């Protein structure tokens, strides 16, 4: 059975990387990530049916229970039509399904498959990402032509570099190649990418061995310096969304108005729909636009450019405001998931001493946290691949020998 899992997961991961991420915008099939998620769920279901005791991860069961509750709650309060609620349920569950399915399947990539994955990564970086990035130095419009927007180009570069790091050892050569692969994303001009690149530099050279993760004055100062550096390089976006949003002043880029408005009304929705939120497909999601939610009219934002019923292309252009659908309870559960994931990673790290896996998890989580400020990456194609990779890394750590077990 494990041989079947390893083989088909590897095929699915390669397929998701190529068609669900790198060529996603070029192909233009917007449901490719859902198809990949469905295939992964199908593999998980097949394996589960072959297991006599139907052993389920407890956190996975809890997550499914939470989504079941919010589905019933959404129908109860009438947050949207049945089709809208179901559509949003699938989208919102997708990253969690990706993580828990992979984590429970515990697939393994042998050396030959890691080498093949590495070759695929270097091939697409060389023939796609690098030429587009070089051409963008002369004409940045190429990023929109090929990847729809510069942010998607930066996401592709980031995830490709992290996948390369996963395939290799943690030598100095690997760290340098990782940063070189990542560096081409600078041409995107995204503040979020600058923040992630800063995080990567610190992780590669200042937190790259076991001793550097000990709690002491030097590491505390380094951590503060790292956070300060990330804030400095990303300050433009931070100031825009969290300062100008509060003061309601400044000159706005038309494409950013929708995001600002969605952030601005998020606290009102959390208070008015306390404690479980406005329900699925009701706010800041693509489903709330396709099956237009009454919440926008209630708060008088149904005429805002990019959010209106006639033109809602920017209604799901960010992620954090959509947490208002789940209320303060949902936000607490969202934070609890990341605490669970990071705590499990650090516990496994204390047992295995595997610094590369620890840093890879920190990079992926950091990427998702940073990206979700102005993009719905967590519930889109980039988030699907990132969560699959997180599940793969943690399952690898589970299989490693206990070389550094603490009493």
Protein backbone atom coordinates (compact mmCIF):
# COMPACT_ATOMS: atom_id res chain seq x y z
CA UNK A 1 0.00 0.00 0.00
CA UNK A 2 2.81 2.42 0.86
CA UNK A 3 4.32 1.85 -2.59
CA UNK A 4 1.01 2.86 -4.19
CA UNK A 5 0.79 5.96 -1.98
CA UNK A 6 4.35 7.03 -2.78
CA UNK A 7 3.95 6.53 -6.53
CA UNK A 8 0.61 8.25 -7.01
CA UNK A 9 1.33 11.07 -4.60
CA UNK A 10 4.54 11.89 -6.45
CA UNK A 11 2.69 11.97 -9.78
CA UNK A 12 0.00 14.20 -8.27
CA UNK A 13 2.56 16.53 -6.66
CA UNK A 14 4.44 16.98 -9.96
CA UNK A 15 1.13 17.54 -11.79
CA UNK A 16 0.02 20.11 -9.21
CA UNK A 17 3.35 21.93 -9.38
CA UNK A 18 3.32 22.18 -13.18
CA UNK A 19 -0.34 22.54 -14.11
CA UNK A 20 -1.79 23.74 -10.81
CA UNK A 21 0.83 26.45 -10.25
CA UNK A 22 3.44 27.21 -12.92
CA UNK A 23 1.15 26.95 -15.96
CA UNK A 24 -2.08 27.79 -14.12
CA UNK A 25 -2.49 31.29 -15.56
CA UNK A 26 -1.18 30.29 -18.99
CA UNK A 27 -3.66 27.40 -19.35
CA UNK A 28 -6.50 29.49 -17.93
CA UNK A 29 -8.45 26.57 -16.42
CA UNK A 30 -9.50 28.16 -13.12
CA UNK A 31 -10.59 24.91 -11.46
CA UNK A 32 -7.27 23.10 -11.86
CA UNK A 33 -6.39 23.46 -8.16
CA UNK A 34 -9.81 22.08 -7.16
CA UNK A 35 -9.23 19.12 -9.50
CA UNK A 36 -5.83 18.48 -7.88
CA UNK A 37 -7.38 18.72 -4.41
CA UNK A 38 -10.14 16.31 -5.47
CA UNK A 39 -7.55 13.82 -6.78
CA UNK A 40 -5.63 14.03 -3.49
CA UNK A 41 -8.84 13.50 -1.51
CA UNK A 42 -9.66 10.54 -3.75
CA UNK A 43 -6.26 8.97 -3.05
CA UNK A 44 -6.79 9.53 0.67
CA UNK A 45 -10.28 7.98 0.54
CA UNK A 46 -8.98 4.95 -1.37
CA UNK A 47 -6.23 4.33 1.19
CA UNK A 48 -8.66 4.88 4.08
CA UNK A 49 -11.07 2.29 2.66
CA UNK A 50 -8.19 -0.20 2.46
CA UNK A 51 -7.40 0.36 6.15
CA UNK A 52 -9.44 -1.92 8.45
CA UNK A 53 -9.56 0.44 11.45
CA UNK A 54 -10.18 3.67 9.46
CA UNK A 55 -7.61 5.47 11.57
CA UNK A 56 -8.13 9.26 11.43
CA UNK A 57 -5.91 12.05 12.68
CA UNK A 58 -7.78 13.70 15.59
CA UNK A 59 -6.95 17.21 14.43
CA UNK A 60 -8.26 16.29 10.97
CA UNK A 61 -11.55 15.08 12.47
CA UNK A 62 -11.82 18.26 14.54
CA UNK A 63 -11.23 20.37 11.42
CA UNK A 64 -13.93 18.50 9.50
CA UNK A 65 -16.26 18.96 12.47
CA UNK A 66 -15.62 22.71 12.52
CA UNK A 67 -16.45 23.04 8.82
CA UNK A 68 -19.58 20.92 9.28
CA UNK A 69 -20.70 23.26 12.07
CA UNK A 70 -20.11 26.38 9.94
CA UNK A 71 -21.99 24.82 7.02
CA UNK A 72 -25.04 24.15 9.20
CA UNK A 73 -24.68 27.61 10.78
CA UNK A 74 -24.51 29.28 7.34
CA UNK A 75 -27.71 27.57 6.20
CA UNK A 76 -29.39 28.45 9.50
CA UNK A 77 -28.70 32.20 9.21
CA UNK A 78 -29.12 32.20 5.42
CA UNK A 79 -25.70 33.67 4.66
CA UNK A 80 -26.14 32.90 0.95
CA UNK A 81 -27.78 30.44 -1.42
CA UNK A 82 -27.10 26.73 -1.05
CA UNK A 83 -24.85 26.70 -4.11
CA UNK A 84 -22.87 29.66 -2.82
CA UNK A 85 -22.38 28.12 0.61
CA UNK A 86 -21.29 24.77 -0.84
CA UNK A 87 -18.91 26.43 -3.31
CA UNK A 88 -17.27 28.48 -0.56
CA UNK A 89 -17.08 25.43 1.71
CA UNK A 90 -15.01 23.58 -0.90
CA UNK A 91 -12.68 26.55 -1.37
CA UNK A 92 -12.22 27.18 2.36
CA UNK A 93 -11.59 23.51 3.17
CA UNK A 94 -9.10 22.98 0.34
CA UNK A 95 -5.84 23.96 2.13
CA UNK A 96 -6.74 21.99 5.27
CA UNK A 97 -7.64 18.92 3.23
CA UNK A 98 -4.34 19.22 1.38
CA UNK A 99 -2.33 19.33 4.61
CA UNK A 100 -4.14 16.63 6.58
CA UNK A 101 -4.53 14.20 3.65
CA UNK A 102 -0.79 14.31 2.92
CA UNK A 103 0.14 14.28 6.60
CA UNK A 104 -1.97 11.18 7.24
CA UNK A 105 -0.96 9.38 4.03
CA UNK A 106 2.70 9.96 4.95
CA UNK A 107 4.13 9.56 1.44
CA UNK A 108 7.89 9.39 0.96
CA UNK A 109 10.00 10.63 -1.94
CA UNK A 110 13.06 8.46 -2.52
CA UNK A 111 16.33 9.86 -3.87
CA UNK A 112 15.48 9.24 -7.52
CA UNK A 113 12.12 11.01 -7.21
CA UNK A 114 13.67 13.93 -5.38
CA UNK A 115 16.23 14.23 -8.16
CA UNK A 116 13.49 14.16 -10.80
CA UNK A 117 11.53 16.82 -8.91
CA UNK A 118 14.67 18.93 -8.63
CA UNK A 119 15.28 18.61 -12.38
CA UNK A 120 11.71 19.68 -13.13
CA UNK A 121 12.11 22.68 -10.84
CA UNK A 122 15.37 23.81 -12.46
CA UNK A 123 13.91 23.24 -15.95
CA UNK A 124 10.88 25.47 -15.38
CA UNK A 125 12.95 28.09 -13.58
CA UNK A 126 15.35 28.19 -16.53
CA UNK A 127 12.88 28.14 -19.42
CA UNK A 128 9.96 30.06 -17.87
CA UNK A 129 10.62 32.10 -14.74
CA UNK A 130 14.13 33.35 -15.58
CA UNK A 131 13.39 34.56 -19.15
CA UNK A 132 10.19 36.28 -18.04
CA UNK A 133 12.01 37.90 -15.11
CA UNK A 134 14.88 39.13 -17.28
CA UNK A 135 12.48 40.52 -19.89
CA UNK A 136 10.51 42.24 -17.12
CA UNK A 137 13.58 44.39 -16.39
CA UNK A 138 12.94 46.07 -19.74
CA UNK A 139 9.16 45.74 -19.87
CA UNK A 140 7.32 44.78 -16.69
CA UNK A 141 4.06 44.24 -18.61
CA UNK A 142 5.31 40.74 -19.47
CA UNK A 143 4.50 39.68 -15.90
CA UNK A 144 0.84 40.49 -16.45
CA UNK A 145 0.79 38.91 -19.90
CA UNK A 146 2.18 35.56 -18.71
CA UNK A 147 1.15 35.42 -15.04
CA UNK A 148 -1.86 37.79 -14.99
CA UNK A 149 -0.24 39.97 -12.31
CA UNK A 150 3.26 40.40 -10.80
CA UNK A 151 2.12 38.93 -7.47
CA UNK A 152 1.45 35.54 -9.11
CA UNK A 153 4.92 35.57 -10.63
CA UNK A 154 6.43 36.17 -7.18
CA UNK A 155 4.33 33.33 -5.73
CA UNK A 156 5.55 30.91 -8.41
CA UNK A 157 9.18 31.88 -7.82
CA UNK A 158 8.81 31.49 -4.06
CA UNK A 159 7.17 28.08 -4.09
CA UNK A 160 9.55 26.74 -6.73
CA UNK A 161 12.53 27.81 -4.60
CA UNK A 162 11.06 26.21 -1.46
CA UNK A 163 10.41 22.98 -3.36
CA UNK A 164 14.05 23.01 -4.48
CA UNK A 165 15.15 23.42 -0.86
CA UNK A 166 13.02 20.40 0.06
CA UNK A 167 14.71 18.22 -2.59
CA UNK A 168 18.28 18.95 -1.49
CA UNK A 169 20.52 18.72 1.54
CA UNK A 170 21.10 21.77 3.71
CA UNK A 171 24.63 22.57 2.60
CA UNK A 172 25.91 26.07 2.02
CA UNK A 173 25.69 25.42 -1.74
CA UNK A 174 21.98 24.58 -1.44
CA UNK A 175 21.30 27.72 0.59
CA UNK A 176 23.01 29.91 -2.02
CA UNK A 177 21.17 28.25 -4.92
CA UNK A 178 17.88 28.63 -3.02
CA UNK A 179 18.44 32.37 -2.64
CA UNK A 180 19.53 32.67 -6.28
CA UNK A 181 16.36 30.92 -7.45
CA UNK A 182 14.37 33.19 -5.17
CA UNK A 183 16.12 36.41 -6.16
CA UNK A 184 14.55 36.62 -9.63
CA UNK A 185 11.25 37.37 -7.89
CA UNK A 186 12.59 40.80 -6.93
CA UNK A 187 11.58 42.03 -10.41
CA UNK A 188 7.93 41.63 -9.35
CA UNK A 189 8.29 44.77 -7.24
CA UNK A 190 6.03 43.33 -4.51
CA UNK A 191 6.62 44.50 -0.94
CA UNK A 192 5.44 41.11 0.30
CA UNK A 193 8.15 39.37 -1.70
CA UNK A 194 10.80 41.69 -0.27
CA UNK A 195 9.61 40.74 3.20
CA UNK A 196 9.79 37.03 2.43
CA UNK A 197 13.21 37.37 0.81
CA UNK A 198 14.45 39.08 3.98
CA UNK A 199 13.03 36.23 6.07
CA UNK A 200 14.80 33.71 3.80
CA UNK A 201 18.19 35.43 4.13
CA UNK A 202 17.93 35.38 7.92
CA UNK A 203 16.82 31.73 7.94
CA UNK A 204 19.62 30.62 5.62
CA UNK A 205 22.51 32.37 7.33
CA UNK A 206 21.54 33.29 10.89
CA UNK A 207 19.25 30.43 11.94
CA UNK A 208 20.73 27.55 9.98
CA UNK A 209 21.85 25.19 12.73
CA UNK A 210 20.50 23.75 15.96
CA UNK A 211 22.46 26.01 18.32
CA UNK A 212 21.02 29.14 16.70
CA UNK A 213 17.49 28.18 17.79
CA UNK A 214 18.35 28.34 21.49
CA UNK A 215 16.73 31.10 23.52
CA UNK A 216 19.49 33.56 24.39
CA UNK A 217 20.14 37.29 24.13
CA UNK A 218 21.89 37.00 20.74
CA UNK A 219 19.05 35.08 19.13
CA UNK A 220 16.39 37.34 20.64
CA UNK A 221 18.16 40.36 19.17
CA UNK A 222 18.52 38.61 15.80
CA UNK A 223 14.82 37.78 15.82
CA UNK A 224 13.90 41.37 16.60
CA UNK A 225 16.25 42.54 13.85
CA UNK A 226 14.68 40.11 11.39
CA UNK A 227 11.13 41.25 12.18
CA UNK A 228 12.20 44.90 11.98
CA UNK A 229 13.82 44.28 8.58
CA UNK A 230 10.69 42.59 7.24
CA UNK A 231 8.52 45.48 8.44
CA UNK A 232 10.86 48.04 6.88
CA UNK A 233 10.86 46.44 3.42
CA UNK A 234 7.10 45.83 3.53
CA UNK A 235 6.22 49.14 5.20
CA UNK A 236 4.45 50.59 2.16
CA UNK A 237 1.73 47.92 2.26
CA UNK A 238 1.55 47.88 6.05
CA UNK A 239 1.04 51.65 6.13
CA UNK A 240 -1.55 51.49 3.37
CA UNK A 241 -3.80 48.83 4.84
CA UNK A 242 -3.43 49.39 8.56
CA UNK A 243 -2.71 53.12 8.89
CA UNK A 244 -4.53 54.67 5.96
CA UNK A 245 -7.38 52.22 6.52
CA UNK A 246 -7.86 53.57 10.03
CA UNK A 247 -7.39 57.24 9.20
CA UNK A 248 -9.32 56.94 5.91
CA UNK A 249 -6.89 59.31 4.25
CA UNK A 250 -4.42 59.29 1.41
CA UNK A 251 -4.50 58.74 -2.31
CA UNK A 252 -5.59 55.27 -3.35
CA UNK A 253 -4.72 53.11 -6.29
CA UNK A 254 -8.08 52.17 -7.84
CA UNK A 255 -7.21 48.47 -7.80
CA UNK A 256 -6.57 48.62 -4.04
CA UNK A 257 -9.81 50.29 -2.98
CA UNK A 258 -11.67 46.97 -2.64
CA UNK A 259 -9.04 45.49 -0.32
CA UNK A 260 -9.01 48.58 1.86
CA UNK A 261 -12.81 48.61 2.16
CA UNK A 262 -12.91 44.88 2.98
CA UNK A 263 -10.37 45.38 5.77
CA UNK A 264 -12.17 48.49 7.01
CA UNK A 265 -15.56 46.77 7.53
CA UNK A 266 -14.17 43.52 8.92
CA UNK A 267 -14.37 44.67 12.61
CA UNK A 268 -17.99 45.78 12.12
CA UNK A 269 -18.97 42.35 10.81
CA UNK A 270 -17.15 40.61 13.66
CA UNK A 271 -19.13 42.70 16.16
CA UNK A 272 -22.50 42.50 14.40
CA UNK A 273 -22.27 38.73 13.82
CA UNK A 274 -20.63 37.82 17.11
CA UNK A 275 -19.33 35.17 17.78
CA UNK A 276 -19.59 32.91 14.68
CA UNK A 277 -19.45 35.48 11.89
CA UNK A 278 -21.58 36.20 8.86
CA UNK A 279 -21.38 32.65 7.46
CA UNK A 280 -19.93 31.03 4.36
CA UNK A 281 -20.08 32.88 1.02
CA UNK A 282 -21.00 36.14 2.72
CA UNK A 283 -17.88 38.34 2.71
CA UNK A 284 -14.57 38.81 0.86
CA UNK A 285 -14.72 35.52 -1.07
CA UNK A 286 -15.28 34.72 -4.72
CA UNK A 287 -18.48 32.86 -3.81
CA UNK A 288 -19.88 35.96 -2.13
CA UNK A 289 -19.47 37.77 -5.44
CA UNK A 290 -20.70 35.08 -7.81
CA UNK A 291 -23.76 34.49 -5.61
CA UNK A 292 -23.89 38.09 -4.49
CA UNK A 293 -24.08 38.42 -0.72
CA UNK A 294 -26.60 40.68 1.00
CA UNK A 295 -23.88 41.72 3.47
CA UNK A 296 -22.40 44.22 0.98
CA UNK A 297 -25.70 46.04 0.65
CA UNK A 298 -26.20 45.97 4.42
CA UNK A 299 -22.95 47.88 4.96
CA UNK A 300 -23.41 50.16 1.95
CA UNK A 301 -20.41 48.90 0.01
CA UNK A 302 -22.28 47.26 -2.87
CA UNK A 303 -21.34 50.18 -5.14
CA UNK A 304 -17.61 50.16 -4.37
CA UNK A 305 -15.45 49.59 -7.46
CA UNK A 306 -14.34 45.95 -7.51
CA UNK A 307 -16.99 44.88 -4.95
CA UNK A 308 -20.21 45.89 -6.70
CA UNK A 309 -22.69 43.35 -8.01
CA UNK A 310 -21.96 44.33 -11.61
CA UNK A 311 -18.17 44.26 -11.16
CA UNK A 312 -16.73 42.22 -8.29
CA UNK A 313 -13.36 41.13 -9.67
CA UNK A 314 -11.54 42.35 -6.52
CA UNK A 315 -13.99 40.94 -4.00
CA UNK A 316 -11.64 38.06 -3.08
CA UNK A 317 -8.35 39.88 -3.62
CA UNK A 318 -7.22 39.30 -0.04
CA UNK A 319 -7.67 36.61 2.61
CA UNK A 320 -7.77 37.92 6.17
CA UNK A 321 -11.01 39.93 5.78
CA UNK A 322 -12.79 36.70 4.77
CA UNK A 323 -12.19 35.39 8.30
CA UNK A 324 -15.09 37.67 9.30
CA UNK A 325 -17.28 34.91 7.86
CA UNK A 326 -16.20 32.69 10.77
CA UNK A 327 -16.34 35.32 13.51
CA UNK A 328 -14.04 35.65 16.51
CA UNK A 329 -14.43 31.93 17.20
CA UNK A 330 -13.28 31.10 13.67
CA UNK A 331 -10.32 33.45 13.93
CA UNK A 332 -9.30 31.79 17.21
CA UNK A 333 -9.55 28.36 15.55
CA UNK A 334 -7.53 29.61 12.56
CA UNK A 335 -4.75 30.76 14.90
CA UNK A 336 -5.03 27.50 16.84
CA UNK A 337 -4.36 25.53 13.65
CA UNK A 338 -1.06 27.35 13.10
CA UNK A 339 -0.13 26.89 16.75
CA UNK A 340 -0.87 23.16 16.38
CA UNK A 341 1.24 22.92 13.22
CA UNK A 342 4.22 24.87 14.58
CA UNK A 343 4.11 23.12 17.94
CA UNK A 344 4.13 19.71 16.23
CA UNK A 345 7.02 20.83 14.03
CA UNK A 346 9.10 21.99 17.00
CA UNK A 347 8.34 18.79 18.93
CA UNK A 348 9.49 16.68 15.97
CA UNK A 349 12.53 18.91 15.59
CA UNK A 350 13.48 18.32 19.24
CA UNK A 351 13.37 14.57 18.52
CA UNK A 352 15.05 14.47 15.10
CA UNK A 353 17.26 17.55 15.13
CA UNK A 354 16.28 18.12 11.49
CA UNK A 355 17.00 21.81 11.08
CA UNK A 356 16.21 21.91 7.33
CA UNK A 357 12.66 20.68 7.87
CA UNK A 358 12.14 23.15 10.72
CA UNK A 359 13.33 26.08 8.61
CA UNK A 360 11.29 24.90 5.60
CA UNK A 361 8.11 24.87 7.71
CA UNK A 362 8.89 28.35 9.07
CA UNK A 363 9.45 29.63 5.51
CA UNK A 364 6.18 28.16 4.22
CA UNK A 365 4.16 29.46 7.16
CA UNK A 366 5.86 32.85 6.85
CA UNK A 367 5.09 32.91 3.13
CA UNK A 368 1.39 32.17 3.70
CA UNK A 369 1.07 34.71 6.52
CA UNK A 370 2.74 37.47 4.51
CA UNK A 371 0.94 36.66 1.24
CA UNK A 372 -2.50 36.52 2.84
CA UNK A 373 -2.38 40.22 3.72
CA UNK A 374 -3.13 41.26 0.13
CA UNK A 375 -3.88 38.03 -1.68
CA UNK A 376 -6.10 34.99 -1.19
CA UNK A 377 -3.07 32.73 -1.66
CA UNK A 378 -3.98 30.46 1.26
CA UNK A 379 -7.16 29.22 -0.46
CA UNK A 380 -5.85 29.40 -4.04
CA UNK A 381 -3.49 27.28 -6.13
CA UNK A 382 -0.36 28.51 -4.33
CA UNK A 383 -1.84 27.65 -0.95
CA UNK A 384 -2.76 24.15 -2.13
CA UNK A 385 0.82 23.31 -3.11
CA UNK A 386 2.24 24.96 0.03
CA UNK A 387 -0.05 22.96 2.32
CA UNK A 388 0.74 19.72 0.47
CA UNK A 389 4.43 20.45 0.99
CA UNK A 390 3.85 21.15 4.69
CA UNK A 391 2.14 17.78 5.06
CA UNK A 392 5.00 16.09 3.23
CA UNK A 393 7.67 17.71 5.40
CA UNK A 394 5.96 16.77 8.67
CA UNK A 395 5.38 13.20 7.49
CA UNK A 396 9.11 13.00 6.64
CA UNK A 397 10.00 14.20 10.13
CA UNK A 398 7.83 11.48 11.65
CA UNK A 399 9.91 8.82 9.89
CA UNK A 400 13.29 10.18 10.93
CA UNK A 401 15.31 8.47 13.70
CA UNK A 402 15.30 10.04 17.16
CA UNK A 403 18.81 11.48 17.26
CA UNK A 404 18.18 14.34 19.65
CA UNK A 405 15.43 13.11 21.97
CA UNK A 406 14.80 15.26 25.05
CA UNK A 407 13.78 13.68 28.36
